[in-house]
Amino acid sequence: MPSLKFCGECNNLLYPKSDNNAKVLLYQCRNCNYAENATSEPGMAPCVYKNDLLTVAREQKGQTKDLETDPTLQRSDIECPRCQNHEAVFYQDQARRITTNMTLFYYCVNCKYSFRDPKIKSR
């Protein structure tokens, strides 16, 4: 675990600096000329900054839960293609990141099926 290092002469903070000629990492005071070699855990090279890249899973389809009880969503009497019920809530969402068009999605309050308006042709 990294810790702060302080100057042995003036008690100011030591900052990491590389000595390119000797190819070593130093901690040096910015107020006086004090410098010390960087030490690290046994078996590890001195490290100033470590950037761990995490693999991120592909985007997942958005989860829609309890939309039928959301009082802020507008209601529609569009017919559900699955159960033929005539009550749905609707909302806008961006279908794909590469497109900038927003898509109108409907959510049946009866069978909880998400669908688009069948009259509008998707690309």
N, C-alpha and C. Protein backbone atom coordinates (compact mmCIF):
# COMPACT_ATOMS: atom_id res chain seq x y z
N MET A 1 0.85 -1.18 0.00
CA MET A 1 0.00 0.00 0.00
C MET A 1 0.89 1.23 0.00
N PRO A 2 0.66 2.18 -0.92
CA PRO A 2 1.48 3.37 -0.97
C PRO A 2 1.29 4.23 0.27
N SER A 3 2.37 4.88 0.66
CA SER A 3 2.29 5.77 1.81
C SER A 3 3.01 7.07 1.45
N LEU A 4 2.72 8.11 2.19
CA LEU A 4 3.38 9.40 1.96
C LEU A 4 4.76 9.35 2.58
N LYS A 5 5.70 9.97 1.91
CA LYS A 5 7.07 10.04 2.41
C LYS A 5 7.41 11.50 2.65
N PHE A 6 8.18 11.74 3.71
CA PHE A 6 8.53 13.10 4.09
C PHE A 6 10.03 13.28 4.12
N CYS A 7 10.45 14.50 3.85
CA CYS A 7 11.87 14.86 3.80
C CYS A 7 12.51 14.68 5.17
N GLY A 8 13.71 14.10 5.18
CA GLY A 8 14.44 13.91 6.43
C GLY A 8 15.08 15.18 6.95
N GLU A 9 15.18 16.22 6.12
CA GLU A 9 15.82 17.46 6.54
C GLU A 9 14.81 18.55 6.91
N CYS A 10 13.75 18.74 6.06
CA CYS A 10 12.82 19.85 6.32
C CYS A 10 11.38 19.40 6.55
N ASN A 11 11.13 18.10 6.58
CA ASN A 11 9.82 17.51 6.85
C ASN A 11 8.73 17.87 5.85
N ASN A 12 9.09 18.29 4.64
CA ASN A 12 8.12 18.53 3.58
C ASN A 12 7.88 17.22 2.82
N LEU A 13 6.83 17.22 2.04
CA LEU A 13 6.46 16.03 1.29
C LEU A 13 7.48 15.73 0.21
N LEU A 14 7.80 14.43 0.04
CA LEU A 14 8.69 13.99 -1.03
C LEU A 14 7.85 13.57 -2.22
N TYR A 15 8.31 13.93 -3.42
CA TYR A 15 7.60 13.63 -4.66
C TYR A 15 8.42 12.66 -5.49
N PRO A 16 7.77 11.76 -6.21
CA PRO A 16 8.51 10.82 -7.04
C PRO A 16 9.19 11.52 -8.21
N LYS A 17 10.40 11.08 -8.51
CA LYS A 17 11.15 11.64 -9.63
C LYS A 17 12.04 10.53 -10.17
N SER A 18 12.19 10.50 -11.47
CA SER A 18 13.05 9.47 -12.06
C SER A 18 14.42 10.05 -12.35
N ASP A 19 15.44 9.25 -12.08
CA ASP A 19 16.80 9.60 -12.46
C ASP A 19 17.09 8.81 -13.73
N ASN A 20 16.97 9.48 -14.87
CA ASN A 20 17.10 8.79 -16.16
C ASN A 20 18.51 8.29 -16.42
N ASN A 21 19.53 8.96 -15.88
CA ASN A 21 20.91 8.50 -16.08
C ASN A 21 21.16 7.19 -15.35
N ALA A 22 20.75 7.12 -14.09
CA ALA A 22 20.96 5.90 -13.30
C ALA A 22 19.81 4.91 -13.46
N LYS A 23 18.73 5.35 -14.11
CA LYS A 23 17.54 4.53 -14.32
C LYS A 23 16.98 3.99 -13.00
N VAL A 24 16.81 4.90 -12.05
CA VAL A 24 16.23 4.56 -10.75
C VAL A 24 15.13 5.56 -10.43
N LEU A 25 14.25 5.15 -9.54
CA LEU A 25 13.19 6.01 -9.06
C LEU A 25 13.59 6.60 -7.73
N LEU A 26 13.41 7.91 -7.61
CA LEU A 26 13.77 8.62 -6.38
C LEU A 26 12.55 9.31 -5.81
N TYR A 27 12.62 9.62 -4.53
CA TYR A 27 11.70 10.54 -3.91
C TYR A 27 12.51 11.78 -3.56
N GLN A 28 12.07 12.96 -4.05
CA GLN A 28 12.85 14.17 -3.88
C GLN A 28 12.00 15.27 -3.28
N CYS A 29 12.63 16.07 -2.43
CA CYS A 29 11.97 17.22 -1.80
C CYS A 29 12.01 18.38 -2.78
N ARG A 30 10.92 19.14 -2.86
CA ARG A 30 10.87 20.29 -3.76
C ARG A 30 11.39 21.57 -3.09
N ASN A 31 11.66 21.50 -1.79
CA ASN A 31 12.14 22.69 -1.07
C ASN A 31 13.64 22.68 -0.86
N CYS A 32 14.19 21.51 -0.62
CA CYS A 32 15.64 21.40 -0.48
C CYS A 32 16.12 20.33 -1.45
N ASN A 33 17.36 19.98 -1.45
CA ASN A 33 17.90 19.02 -2.41
C ASN A 33 17.90 17.59 -1.89
N TYR A 34 17.16 17.31 -0.83
CA TYR A 34 17.13 15.96 -0.27
C TYR A 34 16.45 15.00 -1.25
N ALA A 35 17.05 13.82 -1.41
CA ALA A 35 16.47 12.78 -2.26
C ALA A 35 16.82 11.42 -1.67
N GLU A 36 15.94 10.46 -1.85
CA GLU A 36 16.22 9.09 -1.40
C GLU A 36 15.69 8.12 -2.44
N ASN A 37 16.32 6.95 -2.49
CA ASN A 37 15.87 5.92 -3.42
C ASN A 37 14.50 5.41 -3.01
N ALA A 38 13.70 5.10 -4.00
CA ALA A 38 12.38 4.55 -3.74
C ALA A 38 12.53 3.08 -3.40
N THR A 39 11.88 2.69 -2.33
CA THR A 39 11.88 1.28 -1.95
C THR A 39 10.46 0.77 -2.07
N SER A 40 10.33 -0.51 -2.22
CA SER A 40 8.99 -1.07 -2.37
C SER A 40 8.93 -2.40 -1.64
N GLU A 41 7.80 -3.06 -1.79
CA GLU A 41 7.61 -4.36 -1.16
C GLU A 41 8.61 -5.35 -1.72
N PRO A 42 9.03 -6.33 -0.93
CA PRO A 42 9.99 -7.32 -1.42
C PRO A 42 9.45 -8.05 -2.66
N GLY A 43 10.31 -8.18 -3.68
CA GLY A 43 9.93 -8.87 -4.90
C GLY A 43 9.18 -8.00 -5.89
N MET A 44 8.94 -6.74 -5.56
CA MET A 44 8.21 -5.83 -6.45
C MET A 44 9.14 -4.69 -6.84
N ALA A 45 9.01 -4.23 -8.08
CA ALA A 45 9.76 -3.06 -8.53
C ALA A 45 9.09 -1.80 -7.98
N PRO A 46 9.86 -0.73 -7.75
CA PRO A 46 9.24 0.51 -7.28
C PRO A 46 8.19 0.99 -8.27
N CYS A 47 7.07 1.39 -7.75
CA CYS A 47 5.95 1.80 -8.60
C CYS A 47 5.36 3.10 -8.08
N VAL A 48 5.20 4.07 -8.99
CA VAL A 48 4.59 5.33 -8.62
C VAL A 48 3.12 5.31 -8.91
N TYR A 49 2.75 4.74 -10.06
CA TYR A 49 1.35 4.73 -10.47
C TYR A 49 1.06 3.41 -11.15
N LYS A 50 -0.06 2.83 -10.81
CA LYS A 50 -0.48 1.57 -11.41
C LYS A 50 -1.87 1.76 -11.98
N ASN A 51 -2.05 1.43 -13.25
CA ASN A 51 -3.34 1.59 -13.92
C ASN A 51 -3.83 0.21 -14.31
N ASP A 52 -4.79 -0.31 -13.57
CA ASP A 52 -5.37 -1.61 -13.88
C ASP A 52 -6.54 -1.40 -14.81
N LEU A 53 -6.46 -2.02 -15.98
CA LEU A 53 -7.56 -1.94 -16.93
C LEU A 53 -8.48 -3.13 -16.71
N LEU A 54 -9.70 -2.83 -16.43
CA LEU A 54 -10.68 -3.88 -16.21
C LEU A 54 -11.40 -4.17 -17.51
N THR A 55 -11.67 -5.42 -17.77
CA THR A 55 -12.44 -5.74 -18.96
C THR A 55 -13.91 -5.52 -18.63
N VAL A 56 -14.55 -4.74 -19.45
CA VAL A 56 -15.94 -4.39 -19.23
C VAL A 56 -16.79 -5.25 -20.15
N ALA A 57 -17.80 -5.85 -19.60
CA ALA A 57 -18.70 -6.68 -20.40
C ALA A 57 -19.46 -5.81 -21.39
N ARG A 58 -19.92 -6.42 -22.45
CA ARG A 58 -20.69 -5.69 -23.45
C ARG A 58 -21.96 -5.14 -22.80
N GLU A 59 -22.49 -4.12 -23.41
CA GLU A 59 -23.71 -3.51 -22.87
C GLU A 59 -24.84 -4.52 -22.86
N GLN A 60 -25.57 -4.50 -21.80
CA GLN A 60 -26.71 -5.39 -21.65
C GLN A 60 -27.99 -4.62 -21.91
N LYS A 61 -29.01 -5.34 -22.28
CA LYS A 61 -30.31 -4.73 -22.49
C LYS A 61 -30.79 -4.14 -21.16
N GLY A 62 -31.39 -2.97 -21.22
CA GLY A 62 -31.87 -2.30 -20.01
C GLY A 62 -32.95 -3.11 -19.31
N GLN A 63 -32.91 -3.11 -18.01
CA GLN A 63 -33.90 -3.82 -17.21
C GLN A 63 -35.09 -2.90 -16.98
N THR A 64 -36.27 -3.40 -17.26
CA THR A 64 -37.48 -2.64 -17.00
C THR A 64 -38.28 -3.37 -15.95
N LYS A 65 -38.40 -2.76 -14.80
CA LYS A 65 -39.14 -3.38 -13.70
C LYS A 65 -40.16 -2.41 -13.15
N ASP A 66 -41.34 -2.90 -12.89
CA ASP A 66 -42.41 -2.14 -12.26
C ASP A 66 -42.78 -0.87 -13.01
N LEU A 67 -42.68 -0.89 -14.32
CA LEU A 67 -43.05 0.29 -15.09
C LEU A 67 -44.54 0.58 -15.02
N GLU A 68 -45.33 -0.45 -14.85
CA GLU A 68 -46.78 -0.25 -14.83
C GLU A 68 -47.24 0.54 -13.61
N THR A 69 -46.42 0.58 -12.56
CA THR A 69 -46.80 1.32 -11.35
C THR A 69 -46.16 2.70 -11.28
N ASP A 70 -45.34 3.05 -12.27
CA ASP A 70 -44.67 4.35 -12.27
C ASP A 70 -45.68 5.45 -12.64
N PRO A 71 -46.00 6.36 -11.73
CA PRO A 71 -47.01 7.39 -12.03
C PRO A 71 -46.49 8.48 -12.96
N THR A 72 -45.18 8.54 -13.19
CA THR A 72 -44.62 9.59 -14.05
C THR A 72 -44.67 9.22 -15.53
N LEU A 73 -44.88 7.96 -15.84
CA LEU A 73 -44.94 7.54 -17.24
C LEU A 73 -46.32 7.76 -17.82
N GLN A 74 -46.36 8.17 -19.07
CA GLN A 74 -47.64 8.40 -19.74
C GLN A 74 -48.26 7.06 -20.14
N ARG A 75 -49.57 7.07 -20.24
CA ARG A 75 -50.32 5.86 -20.61
C ARG A 75 -50.83 5.96 -22.04
N SER A 76 -51.03 4.80 -22.65
CA SER A 76 -51.52 4.74 -24.02
C SER A 76 -52.53 3.61 -24.14
N ASP A 77 -53.40 3.71 -25.15
CA ASP A 77 -54.37 2.63 -25.37
C ASP A 77 -53.96 1.77 -26.57
N ILE A 78 -52.67 1.72 -26.86
CA ILE A 78 -52.18 0.91 -27.97
C ILE A 78 -52.37 -0.58 -27.63
N GLU A 79 -52.60 -1.38 -28.64
CA GLU A 79 -52.84 -2.81 -28.42
C GLU A 79 -51.51 -3.56 -28.31
N CYS A 80 -51.41 -4.38 -27.29
CA CYS A 80 -50.22 -5.20 -27.08
C CYS A 80 -50.21 -6.33 -28.12
N PRO A 81 -49.11 -6.55 -28.82
CA PRO A 81 -49.06 -7.62 -29.82
C PRO A 81 -49.08 -9.01 -29.20
N ARG A 82 -48.77 -9.13 -27.93
CA ARG A 82 -48.72 -10.45 -27.29
C ARG A 82 -50.08 -10.84 -26.70
N CYS A 83 -50.71 -9.94 -25.91
CA CYS A 83 -51.94 -10.33 -25.21
C CYS A 83 -53.18 -9.54 -25.65
N GLN A 84 -53.03 -8.60 -26.59
CA GLN A 84 -54.10 -7.77 -27.12
C GLN A 84 -54.75 -6.87 -26.07
N ASN A 85 -54.09 -6.62 -24.97
CA ASN A 85 -54.57 -5.68 -23.97
C ASN A 85 -54.41 -4.26 -24.52
N HIS A 86 -55.28 -3.35 -24.11
CA HIS A 86 -55.24 -1.98 -24.62
C HIS A 86 -54.79 -0.98 -23.58
N GLU A 87 -53.84 -1.35 -22.74
CA GLU A 87 -53.28 -0.40 -21.78
C GLU A 87 -51.77 -0.63 -21.69
N ALA A 88 -51.02 0.43 -21.95
CA ALA A 88 -49.56 0.35 -21.90
C ALA A 88 -49.01 1.70 -21.46
N VAL A 89 -47.84 1.66 -20.85
CA VAL A 89 -47.10 2.88 -20.56
C VAL A 89 -46.04 3.00 -21.65
N PHE A 90 -45.59 4.21 -21.91
CA PHE A 90 -44.55 4.36 -22.91
C PHE A 90 -43.47 5.31 -22.44
N TYR A 91 -42.26 5.11 -23.00
CA TYR A 91 -41.10 5.91 -22.65
C TYR A 91 -40.16 5.92 -23.84
N GLN A 92 -39.23 6.87 -23.85
CA GLN A 92 -38.24 6.94 -24.91
C GLN A 92 -36.91 6.45 -24.41
N ASP A 93 -36.18 5.80 -25.31
CA ASP A 93 -34.85 5.32 -24.97
C ASP A 93 -34.03 5.27 -26.25
N GLN A 94 -32.73 5.31 -26.09
CA GLN A 94 -31.85 5.20 -27.24
C GLN A 94 -31.58 3.72 -27.48
N ALA A 95 -32.00 3.20 -28.61
CA ALA A 95 -31.91 1.78 -28.89
C ALA A 95 -30.47 1.32 -29.03
N ARG A 96 -29.67 2.02 -29.81
CA ARG A 96 -28.27 1.66 -30.02
C ARG A 96 -27.43 2.90 -29.84
N ARG A 97 -26.21 2.72 -29.41
CA ARG A 97 -25.35 3.88 -29.19
C ARG A 97 -24.90 4.52 -30.49
N ILE A 98 -24.78 3.75 -31.56
CA ILE A 98 -24.30 4.34 -32.80
C ILE A 98 -25.35 5.23 -33.44
N THR A 99 -26.60 5.00 -33.12
CA THR A 99 -27.64 5.88 -33.65
C THR A 99 -27.97 6.92 -32.59
N THR A 100 -28.36 8.08 -33.05
CA THR A 100 -28.70 9.13 -32.10
C THR A 100 -30.21 9.28 -31.97
N ASN A 101 -30.96 8.54 -32.78
CA ASN A 101 -32.42 8.65 -32.73
C ASN A 101 -32.96 8.00 -31.47
N MET A 102 -33.93 8.65 -30.89
CA MET A 102 -34.61 8.08 -29.73
C MET A 102 -35.77 7.23 -30.23
N THR A 103 -36.04 6.14 -29.54
CA THR A 103 -37.09 5.22 -29.93
C THR A 103 -38.17 5.22 -28.86
N LEU A 104 -39.40 5.14 -29.28
CA LEU A 104 -40.53 5.08 -28.36
C LEU A 104 -40.84 3.62 -28.06
N PHE A 105 -40.73 3.25 -26.79
CA PHE A 105 -41.01 1.89 -26.35
C PHE A 105 -42.32 1.87 -25.57
N TYR A 106 -43.08 0.81 -25.76
CA TYR A 106 -44.32 0.59 -25.01
C TYR A 106 -44.11 -0.60 -24.10
N TYR A 107 -44.80 -0.56 -22.96
CA TYR A 107 -44.70 -1.62 -21.97
C TYR A 107 -46.10 -1.98 -21.52
N CYS A 108 -46.54 -3.18 -21.85
CA CYS A 108 -47.89 -3.63 -21.53
C CYS A 108 -48.04 -3.80 -20.02
N VAL A 109 -49.08 -3.22 -19.44
CA VAL A 109 -49.29 -3.33 -17.99
C VAL A 109 -49.88 -4.69 -17.62
N ASN A 110 -50.40 -5.42 -18.59
CA ASN A 110 -51.00 -6.72 -18.33
C ASN A 110 -49.96 -7.84 -18.34
N CYS A 111 -49.24 -7.99 -19.45
CA CYS A 111 -48.30 -9.11 -19.58
C CYS A 111 -46.83 -8.69 -19.44
N LYS A 112 -46.58 -7.39 -19.21
CA LYS A 112 -45.23 -6.85 -18.99
C LYS A 112 -44.30 -7.07 -20.19
N TYR A 113 -44.84 -6.97 -21.38
CA TYR A 113 -44.09 -7.15 -22.61
C TYR A 113 -43.67 -5.78 -23.15
N SER A 114 -42.40 -5.62 -23.50
CA SER A 114 -41.91 -4.38 -24.10
C SER A 114 -41.96 -4.51 -25.61
N PHE A 115 -42.47 -3.47 -26.27
CA PHE A 115 -42.56 -3.51 -27.73
C PHE A 115 -42.52 -2.09 -28.28
N ARG A 116 -42.27 -2.00 -29.58
CA ARG A 116 -42.31 -0.73 -30.28
C ARG A 116 -43.63 -0.61 -31.01
N ASP A 117 -43.95 0.59 -31.42
CA ASP A 117 -45.18 0.80 -32.18
C ASP A 117 -45.07 0.06 -33.53
N PRO A 118 -45.95 -0.89 -33.79
CA PRO A 118 -45.84 -1.66 -35.03
C PRO A 118 -46.07 -0.82 -36.29
N LYS A 119 -46.70 0.34 -36.15
CA LYS A 119 -46.95 1.20 -37.32
C LYS A 119 -45.68 1.92 -37.77
N ILE A 120 -44.72 2.08 -36.86
CA ILE A 120 -43.48 2.75 -37.18
C ILE A 120 -42.45 1.69 -37.57
N LYS A 121 -41.91 1.80 -38.77
CA LYS A 121 -40.94 0.82 -39.25
C LYS A 121 -39.58 1.16 -38.68
N SER A 122 -38.92 0.13 -38.11
CA SER A 122 -37.57 0.35 -37.56
C SER A 122 -36.55 0.15 -38.67
N ARG A 123 -35.41 0.79 -38.51
CA ARG A 123 -34.35 0.71 -39.51
C ARG A 123 -33.52 -0.50 -39.34
